[in-house]
Amino acid sequence: MDKIAEKTCFIYVLRLNFERWYIGCTTNFDQRMKSHFGKGGAVATKECPPIFIHKVFMLDDYRIRTTPARQVAEVLVANSYAIRYGYEKVRGAKHGKGWQDLPSKNNLRDIKRFQKWKTIDYGQELMSNLVEVDPKTLLSDKTLNKIENLTRK
């Protein structure tokens, strides 16, 4: 395991309107949620706004071969939601940017490759290194209030 310069990242799952999901990864959770729940964010969350933060996982990033663990973990989390809810209902993490997009051939190749890794020792170790955290502990009061006000509507 080759640790990447003390980088803690957060893999998050957003529940969106219309029974859709967005999975992303960031090193600055508070700033990223301001963006998703504001006017910024990803193409998918601009097209289909988030309703609430469903789950957040923390990971001290490292490399698996030459790939950052955060990238593999993000794809594996997204793929688990795609398998459960349907690939057409999940975006982010190489599953397409917007709701009219499909994953590219390279992204499909990576999704399949990472899914195979899940059954190998380093994939199992990676998934056991994901620590679920309460998103409220990662948000400033200002961001938390903004999200709560938006999601009450």
N, C-alpha and C. Protein backbone atom coordinates (compact mmCIF):
# COMPACT_ATOMS: atom_id res chain seq x y z
N MET A 1 0.85 -1.17 0.00
CA MET A 1 0.00 0.00 0.00
C MET A 1 0.89 1.24 0.00
N ASP A 2 0.73 2.06 -1.00
CA ASP A 2 1.53 3.27 -1.18
C ASP A 2 0.63 4.47 -0.86
N LYS A 3 0.75 4.99 0.36
CA LYS A 3 -0.11 6.09 0.79
C LYS A 3 0.16 7.35 -0.02
N ILE A 4 -0.90 8.08 -0.33
CA ILE A 4 -0.80 9.32 -1.09
C ILE A 4 -0.81 10.48 -0.10
N ALA A 5 0.33 11.10 0.10
CA ALA A 5 0.56 12.31 0.89
C ALA A 5 -0.56 12.75 1.83
N GLU A 6 -0.84 11.96 2.83
CA GLU A 6 -1.79 12.36 3.88
C GLU A 6 -3.10 12.92 3.33
N LYS A 7 -3.63 12.30 2.32
CA LYS A 7 -4.86 12.81 1.71
C LYS A 7 -6.05 12.00 2.19
N THR A 8 -6.92 12.64 2.96
CA THR A 8 -8.17 12.02 3.36
C THR A 8 -9.24 12.50 2.40
N CYS A 9 -10.00 11.56 1.88
CA CYS A 9 -11.06 11.95 0.95
C CYS A 9 -12.39 11.39 1.45
N PHE A 10 -13.44 11.92 0.87
CA PHE A 10 -14.80 11.54 1.24
C PHE A 10 -15.54 11.09 0.00
N ILE A 11 -16.04 9.89 0.03
CA ILE A 11 -16.88 9.37 -1.04
C ILE A 11 -18.30 9.51 -0.55
N TYR A 12 -19.13 10.19 -1.33
CA TYR A 12 -20.47 10.51 -0.86
C TYR A 12 -21.53 10.04 -1.86
N VAL A 13 -22.69 9.78 -1.30
CA VAL A 13 -23.84 9.35 -2.09
C VAL A 13 -24.96 10.36 -1.85
N LEU A 14 -25.41 11.00 -2.92
CA LEU A 14 -26.52 11.95 -2.82
C LEU A 14 -27.77 11.32 -3.39
N ARG A 15 -28.86 11.47 -2.68
CA ARG A 15 -30.16 11.06 -3.20
C ARG A 15 -30.70 12.27 -3.97
N LEU A 16 -31.12 12.04 -5.21
CA LEU A 16 -31.60 13.12 -6.07
C LEU A 16 -33.10 12.97 -6.31
N ASN A 17 -33.69 14.00 -6.88
CA ASN A 17 -35.09 13.91 -7.32
C ASN A 17 -35.25 12.74 -8.30
N PHE A 18 -36.47 12.30 -8.46
CA PHE A 18 -36.82 11.27 -9.45
C PHE A 18 -36.12 9.94 -9.19
N GLU A 19 -35.92 9.60 -7.90
CA GLU A 19 -35.33 8.32 -7.52
C GLU A 19 -33.98 8.07 -8.19
N ARG A 20 -33.15 9.09 -8.23
CA ARG A 20 -31.83 8.99 -8.83
C ARG A 20 -30.76 9.19 -7.77
N TRP A 21 -29.52 8.82 -8.13
CA TRP A 21 -28.39 8.85 -7.21
C TRP A 21 -27.17 9.48 -7.88
N TYR A 22 -26.38 10.18 -7.08
CA TYR A 22 -25.12 10.71 -7.56
C TYR A 22 -24.04 10.31 -6.56
N ILE A 23 -22.93 9.76 -7.07
CA ILE A 23 -21.82 9.36 -6.23
C ILE A 23 -20.61 10.19 -6.63
N GLY A 24 -19.95 10.79 -5.65
CA GLY A 24 -18.78 11.61 -5.92
C GLY A 24 -17.72 11.42 -4.87
N CYS A 25 -16.61 12.12 -5.08
CA CYS A 25 -15.47 12.04 -4.16
C CYS A 25 -14.85 13.43 -4.05
N THR A 26 -14.45 13.80 -2.85
CA THR A 26 -13.86 15.12 -2.62
C THR A 26 -12.93 15.08 -1.42
N THR A 27 -12.01 16.03 -1.37
CA THR A 27 -11.19 16.20 -0.18
C THR A 27 -11.74 17.34 0.70
N ASN A 28 -12.67 18.13 0.16
CA ASN A 28 -13.29 19.22 0.91
C ASN A 28 -14.81 19.03 0.87
N PHE A 29 -15.31 18.25 1.79
CA PHE A 29 -16.72 17.86 1.79
C PHE A 29 -17.66 19.06 1.92
N ASP A 30 -17.37 19.95 2.85
CA ASP A 30 -18.22 21.11 3.06
C ASP A 30 -18.36 21.94 1.79
N GLN A 31 -17.24 22.25 1.16
CA GLN A 31 -17.27 23.05 -0.08
C GLN A 31 -18.02 22.34 -1.19
N ARG A 32 -17.82 21.04 -1.30
CA ARG A 32 -18.48 20.28 -2.38
C ARG A 32 -19.99 20.25 -2.18
N MET A 33 -20.44 20.12 -0.93
CA MET A 33 -21.88 20.10 -0.68
C MET A 33 -22.50 21.47 -0.93
N LYS A 34 -21.77 22.54 -0.60
CA LYS A 34 -22.25 23.90 -0.94
C LYS A 34 -22.49 23.98 -2.44
N SER A 35 -21.57 23.42 -3.19
CA SER A 35 -21.68 23.45 -4.65
C SER A 35 -22.86 22.62 -5.15
N HIS A 36 -22.97 21.39 -4.69
CA HIS A 36 -24.07 20.51 -5.15
C HIS A 36 -25.44 21.07 -4.77
N PHE A 37 -25.55 21.60 -3.56
CA PHE A 37 -26.84 22.10 -3.09
C PHE A 37 -27.05 23.57 -3.45
N GLY A 38 -26.09 24.16 -4.15
CA GLY A 38 -26.20 25.53 -4.63
C GLY A 38 -26.38 25.52 -6.14
N LYS A 39 -25.74 26.46 -6.80
CA LYS A 39 -25.90 26.58 -8.25
C LYS A 39 -24.79 25.86 -9.02
N GLY A 40 -23.81 25.33 -8.31
CA GLY A 40 -22.70 24.64 -8.97
C GLY A 40 -22.94 23.15 -8.97
N GLY A 41 -21.88 22.42 -8.67
CA GLY A 41 -22.00 20.97 -8.61
C GLY A 41 -21.72 20.31 -9.94
N ALA A 42 -22.10 19.07 -10.03
CA ALA A 42 -21.88 18.27 -11.23
C ALA A 42 -23.02 18.47 -12.22
N VAL A 43 -22.80 18.09 -13.45
CA VAL A 43 -23.85 18.17 -14.47
C VAL A 43 -25.10 17.44 -13.99
N ALA A 44 -24.91 16.24 -13.45
CA ALA A 44 -26.06 15.42 -13.02
C ALA A 44 -26.87 16.09 -11.91
N THR A 45 -26.19 16.78 -10.97
CA THR A 45 -26.93 17.42 -9.87
C THR A 45 -27.51 18.77 -10.28
N LYS A 46 -27.00 19.34 -11.36
CA LYS A 46 -27.63 20.55 -11.90
C LYS A 46 -28.92 20.16 -12.62
N GLU A 47 -28.88 19.04 -13.33
CA GLU A 47 -30.05 18.57 -14.08
C GLU A 47 -31.11 17.96 -13.16
N CYS A 48 -30.68 17.38 -12.07
CA CYS A 48 -31.58 16.69 -11.14
C CYS A 48 -31.07 16.97 -9.72
N PRO A 49 -31.62 18.00 -9.06
CA PRO A 49 -31.07 18.46 -7.78
C PRO A 49 -31.12 17.40 -6.67
N PRO A 50 -30.14 17.48 -5.75
CA PRO A 50 -30.12 16.55 -4.62
C PRO A 50 -31.23 16.84 -3.62
N ILE A 51 -31.70 15.78 -3.00
CA ILE A 51 -32.71 15.88 -1.94
C ILE A 51 -32.04 15.82 -0.58
N PHE A 52 -31.09 14.90 -0.42
CA PHE A 52 -30.34 14.79 0.82
C PHE A 52 -29.07 13.99 0.62
N ILE A 53 -28.20 14.08 1.63
CA ILE A 53 -26.96 13.31 1.63
C ILE A 53 -27.30 11.94 2.21
N HIS A 54 -27.17 10.91 1.42
CA HIS A 54 -27.55 9.56 1.84
C HIS A 54 -26.46 8.89 2.68
N LYS A 55 -25.22 8.91 2.19
CA LYS A 55 -24.10 8.28 2.92
C LYS A 55 -22.81 9.01 2.60
N VAL A 56 -21.88 8.93 3.54
CA VAL A 56 -20.54 9.47 3.34
C VAL A 56 -19.54 8.48 3.92
N PHE A 57 -18.51 8.20 3.14
CA PHE A 57 -17.43 7.32 3.58
C PHE A 57 -16.12 8.10 3.56
N MET A 58 -15.30 7.88 4.57
CA MET A 58 -13.99 8.52 4.66
C MET A 58 -12.94 7.47 4.29
N LEU A 59 -11.89 7.92 3.59
CA LEU A 59 -10.82 7.02 3.19
C LEU A 59 -9.50 7.79 3.17
N ASP A 60 -8.50 7.25 3.86
CA ASP A 60 -7.14 7.78 3.71
C ASP A 60 -6.61 7.20 2.42
N ASP A 61 -6.40 8.04 1.44
CA ASP A 61 -6.10 7.59 0.08
C ASP A 61 -4.73 6.93 -0.03
N TYR A 62 -4.64 5.97 -0.90
CA TYR A 62 -3.39 5.28 -1.22
C TYR A 62 -3.50 4.78 -2.64
N ARG A 63 -2.46 4.16 -3.15
CA ARG A 63 -2.48 3.65 -4.52
C ARG A 63 -2.65 2.14 -4.54
N ILE A 64 -3.48 1.69 -5.49
CA ILE A 64 -3.59 0.27 -5.81
C ILE A 64 -3.00 0.15 -7.21
N ARG A 65 -1.88 -0.49 -7.27
CA ARG A 65 -1.08 -0.48 -8.50
C ARG A 65 -0.77 0.97 -8.81
N THR A 66 -1.31 1.53 -9.88
CA THR A 66 -1.06 2.95 -10.18
C THR A 66 -2.32 3.79 -10.02
N THR A 67 -3.38 3.19 -9.54
CA THR A 67 -4.68 3.88 -9.44
C THR A 67 -4.94 4.33 -8.01
N PRO A 68 -5.38 5.59 -7.82
CA PRO A 68 -5.75 6.03 -6.47
C PRO A 68 -6.91 5.19 -5.92
N ALA A 69 -6.78 4.77 -4.68
CA ALA A 69 -7.81 3.96 -4.04
C ALA A 69 -9.16 4.68 -4.04
N ARG A 70 -9.12 6.01 -3.89
CA ARG A 70 -10.38 6.78 -3.85
C ARG A 70 -11.17 6.59 -5.14
N GLN A 71 -10.47 6.51 -6.27
CA GLN A 71 -11.14 6.35 -7.56
C GLN A 71 -11.80 4.97 -7.65
N VAL A 72 -11.10 3.95 -7.20
CA VAL A 72 -11.65 2.59 -7.21
C VAL A 72 -12.85 2.50 -6.27
N ALA A 73 -12.70 3.03 -5.06
CA ALA A 73 -13.78 2.97 -4.08
C ALA A 73 -15.02 3.72 -4.57
N GLU A 74 -14.82 4.88 -5.16
CA GLU A 74 -15.95 5.67 -5.67
C GLU A 74 -16.71 4.87 -6.73
N VAL A 75 -16.00 4.23 -7.63
CA VAL A 75 -16.63 3.44 -8.69
C VAL A 75 -17.35 2.23 -8.09
N LEU A 76 -16.74 1.57 -7.12
CA LEU A 76 -17.38 0.40 -6.51
C LEU A 76 -18.65 0.77 -5.75
N VAL A 77 -18.62 1.89 -5.06
CA VAL A 77 -19.83 2.36 -4.37
C VAL A 77 -20.91 2.68 -5.41
N ALA A 78 -20.55 3.42 -6.46
CA ALA A 78 -21.51 3.77 -7.51
C ALA A 78 -22.07 2.51 -8.17
N ASN A 79 -21.21 1.55 -8.43
CA ASN A 79 -21.67 0.34 -9.09
C ASN A 79 -22.63 -0.45 -8.20
N SER A 80 -22.42 -0.43 -6.90
CA SER A 80 -23.35 -1.13 -6.01
C SER A 80 -24.73 -0.48 -6.06
N TYR A 81 -24.79 0.84 -6.19
CA TYR A 81 -26.08 1.53 -6.33
C TYR A 81 -26.68 1.26 -7.70
N ALA A 82 -25.84 1.20 -8.73
CA ALA A 82 -26.32 0.92 -10.09
C ALA A 82 -26.92 -0.48 -10.17
N ILE A 83 -26.29 -1.43 -9.53
CA ILE A 83 -26.82 -2.80 -9.52
C ILE A 83 -28.15 -2.85 -8.77
N ARG A 84 -28.23 -2.12 -7.68
CA ARG A 84 -29.45 -2.15 -6.85
C ARG A 84 -30.62 -1.37 -7.46
N TYR A 85 -30.33 -0.17 -8.03
CA TYR A 85 -31.40 0.71 -8.49
C TYR A 85 -31.50 0.84 -10.00
N GLY A 86 -30.50 0.34 -10.72
CA GLY A 86 -30.49 0.45 -12.18
C GLY A 86 -29.43 1.43 -12.63
N TYR A 87 -28.70 1.05 -13.66
CA TYR A 87 -27.61 1.90 -14.16
C TYR A 87 -28.12 3.24 -14.67
N GLU A 88 -29.33 3.29 -15.15
CA GLU A 88 -29.88 4.54 -15.67
C GLU A 88 -30.20 5.54 -14.56
N LYS A 89 -30.16 5.10 -13.30
CA LYS A 89 -30.50 5.97 -12.17
C LYS A 89 -29.29 6.45 -11.38
N VAL A 90 -28.08 6.12 -11.86
CA VAL A 90 -26.85 6.48 -11.14
C VAL A 90 -25.92 7.26 -12.06
N ARG A 91 -25.35 8.35 -11.51
CA ARG A 91 -24.36 9.13 -12.24
C ARG A 91 -23.20 9.45 -11.31
N GLY A 92 -22.12 9.91 -11.93
CA GLY A 92 -20.88 10.16 -11.20
C GLY A 92 -20.04 8.89 -11.21
N ALA A 93 -18.81 9.00 -10.77
CA ALA A 93 -17.93 7.84 -10.62
C ALA A 93 -17.88 6.97 -11.88
N LYS A 94 -17.63 7.61 -13.01
CA LYS A 94 -17.48 6.94 -14.32
C LYS A 94 -18.78 6.36 -14.86
N HIS A 95 -19.92 6.69 -14.27
CA HIS A 95 -21.21 6.19 -14.73
C HIS A 95 -21.96 7.20 -15.59
N GLY A 96 -21.28 8.22 -16.07
CA GLY A 96 -21.90 9.24 -16.90
C GLY A 96 -21.95 10.56 -16.16
N LYS A 97 -21.88 11.65 -16.91
CA LYS A 97 -21.89 12.97 -16.28
C LYS A 97 -23.30 13.52 -16.13
N GLY A 98 -24.04 13.50 -17.23
CA GLY A 98 -25.41 14.00 -17.20
C GLY A 98 -26.38 12.85 -17.44
N TRP A 99 -27.66 13.16 -17.38
CA TRP A 99 -28.67 12.10 -17.46
C TRP A 99 -28.89 11.61 -18.89
N GLN A 100 -28.37 12.33 -19.86
CA GLN A 100 -28.46 11.86 -21.25
C GLN A 100 -27.20 11.10 -21.66
N ASP A 101 -26.17 11.11 -20.80
CA ASP A 101 -24.89 10.47 -21.11
C ASP A 101 -24.89 9.00 -20.73
N LEU A 102 -24.07 8.27 -21.44
CA LEU A 102 -23.75 6.89 -21.07
C LEU A 102 -22.26 6.87 -20.76
N PRO A 103 -21.82 5.93 -19.95
CA PRO A 103 -20.38 5.84 -19.69
C PRO A 103 -19.61 5.58 -20.99
N SER A 104 -18.44 6.18 -21.10
CA SER A 104 -17.59 5.95 -22.27
C SER A 104 -17.07 4.51 -22.24
N LYS A 105 -16.51 4.06 -23.35
CA LYS A 105 -15.94 2.71 -23.40
C LYS A 105 -14.83 2.55 -22.37
N ASN A 106 -13.98 3.57 -22.23
CA ASN A 106 -12.90 3.52 -21.24
C ASN A 106 -13.46 3.44 -19.82
N ASN A 107 -14.52 4.22 -19.54
CA ASN A 107 -15.12 4.18 -18.21
C ASN A 107 -15.77 2.82 -17.95
N LEU A 108 -16.44 2.25 -18.95
CA LEU A 108 -17.02 0.92 -18.79
C LEU A 108 -15.94 -0.11 -18.51
N ARG A 109 -14.81 0.02 -19.20
CA ARG A 109 -13.68 -0.89 -18.97
C ARG A 109 -13.20 -0.77 -17.52
N ASP A 110 -13.06 0.47 -17.03
CA ASP A 110 -12.61 0.67 -15.65
C ASP A 110 -13.62 0.13 -14.65
N ILE A 111 -14.90 0.35 -14.89
CA ILE A 111 -15.94 -0.16 -13.99
C ILE A 111 -15.83 -1.68 -13.87
N LYS A 112 -15.71 -2.36 -14.99
CA LYS A 112 -15.58 -3.82 -14.98
C LYS A 112 -14.29 -4.26 -14.29
N ARG A 113 -13.20 -3.57 -14.57
CA ARG A 113 -11.90 -3.92 -13.96
C ARG A 113 -11.95 -3.74 -12.45
N PHE A 114 -12.50 -2.61 -11.99
CA PHE A 114 -12.57 -2.35 -10.55
C PHE A 114 -13.53 -3.33 -9.87
N GLN A 115 -14.60 -3.71 -10.56
CA GLN A 115 -15.54 -4.67 -9.99
C GLN A 115 -14.84 -6.02 -9.77
N LYS A 116 -13.96 -6.41 -10.69
CA LYS A 116 -13.19 -7.65 -10.51
C LYS A 116 -12.24 -7.51 -9.32
N TRP A 117 -11.65 -6.31 -9.17
CA TRP A 117 -10.73 -6.08 -8.06
C TRP A 117 -11.41 -6.30 -6.72
N LYS A 118 -12.72 -6.04 -6.66
CA LYS A 118 -13.45 -6.15 -5.41
C LYS A 118 -13.35 -7.54 -4.80
N THR A 119 -13.14 -8.55 -5.63
CA THR A 119 -13.08 -9.92 -5.14
C THR A 119 -11.65 -10.35 -4.78
N ILE A 120 -10.68 -9.51 -5.08
CA ILE A 120 -9.28 -9.82 -4.80
C ILE A 120 -8.88 -9.17 -3.48
N ASP A 121 -7.81 -9.65 -2.87
CA ASP A 121 -7.38 -9.16 -1.55
C ASP A 121 -7.36 -7.65 -1.45
N TYR A 122 -6.71 -6.95 -2.41
CA TYR A 122 -6.59 -5.50 -2.26
C TYR A 122 -7.91 -4.79 -2.44
N GLY A 123 -8.84 -5.37 -3.18
CA GLY A 123 -10.17 -4.79 -3.29
C GLY A 123 -10.97 -4.97 -2.01
N GLN A 124 -10.83 -6.12 -1.40
CA GLN A 124 -11.51 -6.37 -0.12
C GLN A 124 -10.93 -5.48 0.98
N GLU A 125 -9.61 -5.32 0.94
CA GLU A 125 -8.96 -4.42 1.92
C GLU A 125 -9.46 -2.98 1.73
N LEU A 126 -9.56 -2.57 0.49
CA LEU A 126 -10.03 -1.22 0.20
C LEU A 126 -11.43 -1.01 0.78
N MET A 127 -12.34 -1.93 0.51
CA MET A 127 -13.71 -1.76 0.99
C MET A 127 -13.78 -1.79 2.52
N SER A 128 -12.89 -2.54 3.15
CA SER A 128 -12.88 -2.56 4.62
C SER A 128 -12.26 -1.27 5.19
N ASN A 129 -11.50 -0.54 4.36
CA ASN A 129 -10.91 0.73 4.80
C ASN A 129 -11.89 1.90 4.72
N LEU A 130 -13.02 1.70 4.07
CA LEU A 130 -14.04 2.76 4.00
C LEU A 130 -14.73 2.87 5.36
N VAL A 131 -14.75 4.06 5.91
CA VAL A 131 -15.37 4.30 7.21
C VAL A 131 -16.56 5.21 6.98
N GLU A 132 -17.76 4.73 7.31
CA GLU A 132 -18.94 5.58 7.17
C GLU A 132 -18.94 6.64 8.26
N VAL A 133 -19.20 7.88 7.87
CA VAL A 133 -19.23 9.00 8.82
C VAL A 133 -20.54 9.75 8.68
N ASP A 134 -20.91 10.42 9.76
CA ASP A 134 -22.12 11.25 9.75
C ASP A 134 -21.80 12.54 9.01
N PRO A 135 -22.52 12.82 7.91
CA PRO A 135 -22.20 14.02 7.13
C PRO A 135 -22.32 15.31 7.93
N LYS A 136 -23.17 15.34 8.93
CA LYS A 136 -23.36 16.56 9.73
C LYS A 136 -22.07 16.95 10.45
N THR A 137 -21.23 15.97 10.78
CA THR A 137 -19.98 16.29 11.48
C THR A 137 -18.94 16.90 10.55
N LEU A 138 -19.18 16.85 9.25
CA LEU A 138 -18.23 17.36 8.26
C LEU A 138 -18.64 18.71 7.69
N LEU A 139 -19.83 19.16 8.04
CA LEU A 139 -20.37 20.39 7.46
C LEU A 139 -20.32 21.55 8.45
N SER A 140 -20.05 22.73 7.93
CA SER A 140 -20.14 23.93 8.77
C SER A 140 -21.61 24.17 9.08
N ASP A 141 -21.88 24.92 10.14
CA ASP A 141 -23.27 25.23 10.50
C ASP A 141 -23.99 25.94 9.36
N LYS A 142 -23.28 26.83 8.68
CA LYS A 142 -23.87 27.58 7.57
C LYS A 142 -24.29 26.64 6.44
N THR A 143 -23.41 25.72 6.06
CA THR A 143 -23.74 24.78 4.98
C THR A 143 -24.86 23.84 5.42
N LEU A 144 -24.79 23.36 6.64
CA LEU A 144 -25.82 22.46 7.15
C LEU A 144 -27.19 23.14 7.15
N ASN A 145 -27.25 24.38 7.60
CA ASN A 145 -28.52 25.13 7.59
C ASN A 145 -29.04 25.32 6.17
N LYS A 146 -28.14 25.63 5.25
CA LYS A 146 -28.53 25.83 3.85
C LYS A 146 -29.14 24.54 3.28
N ILE A 147 -28.48 23.42 3.52
CA ILE A 147 -28.97 22.14 3.02
C ILE A 147 -30.31 21.78 3.66
N GLU A 148 -30.40 21.96 4.98
CA GLU A 148 -31.65 21.64 5.66
C GLU A 148 -32.82 22.51 5.16
N ASN A 149 -32.54 23.80 4.93
CA ASN A 149 -33.58 24.69 4.39
C ASN A 149 -34.01 24.27 3.00
N LEU A 150 -33.06 23.89 2.16
CA LEU A 150 -33.38 23.46 0.79
C LEU A 150 -34.17 22.15 0.78
N THR A 151 -33.80 21.24 1.64
CA THR A 151 -34.43 19.92 1.62
C THR A 151 -35.79 19.90 2.32
N ARG A 152 -36.12 20.93 3.06
CA ARG A 152 -37.45 21.01 3.68
C ARG A 152 -38.52 21.42 2.68
N LYS A 153 -38.12 22.05 1.60
CA LYS A 153 -39.07 22.58 0.62
C LYS A 153 -39.76 21.48 -0.14
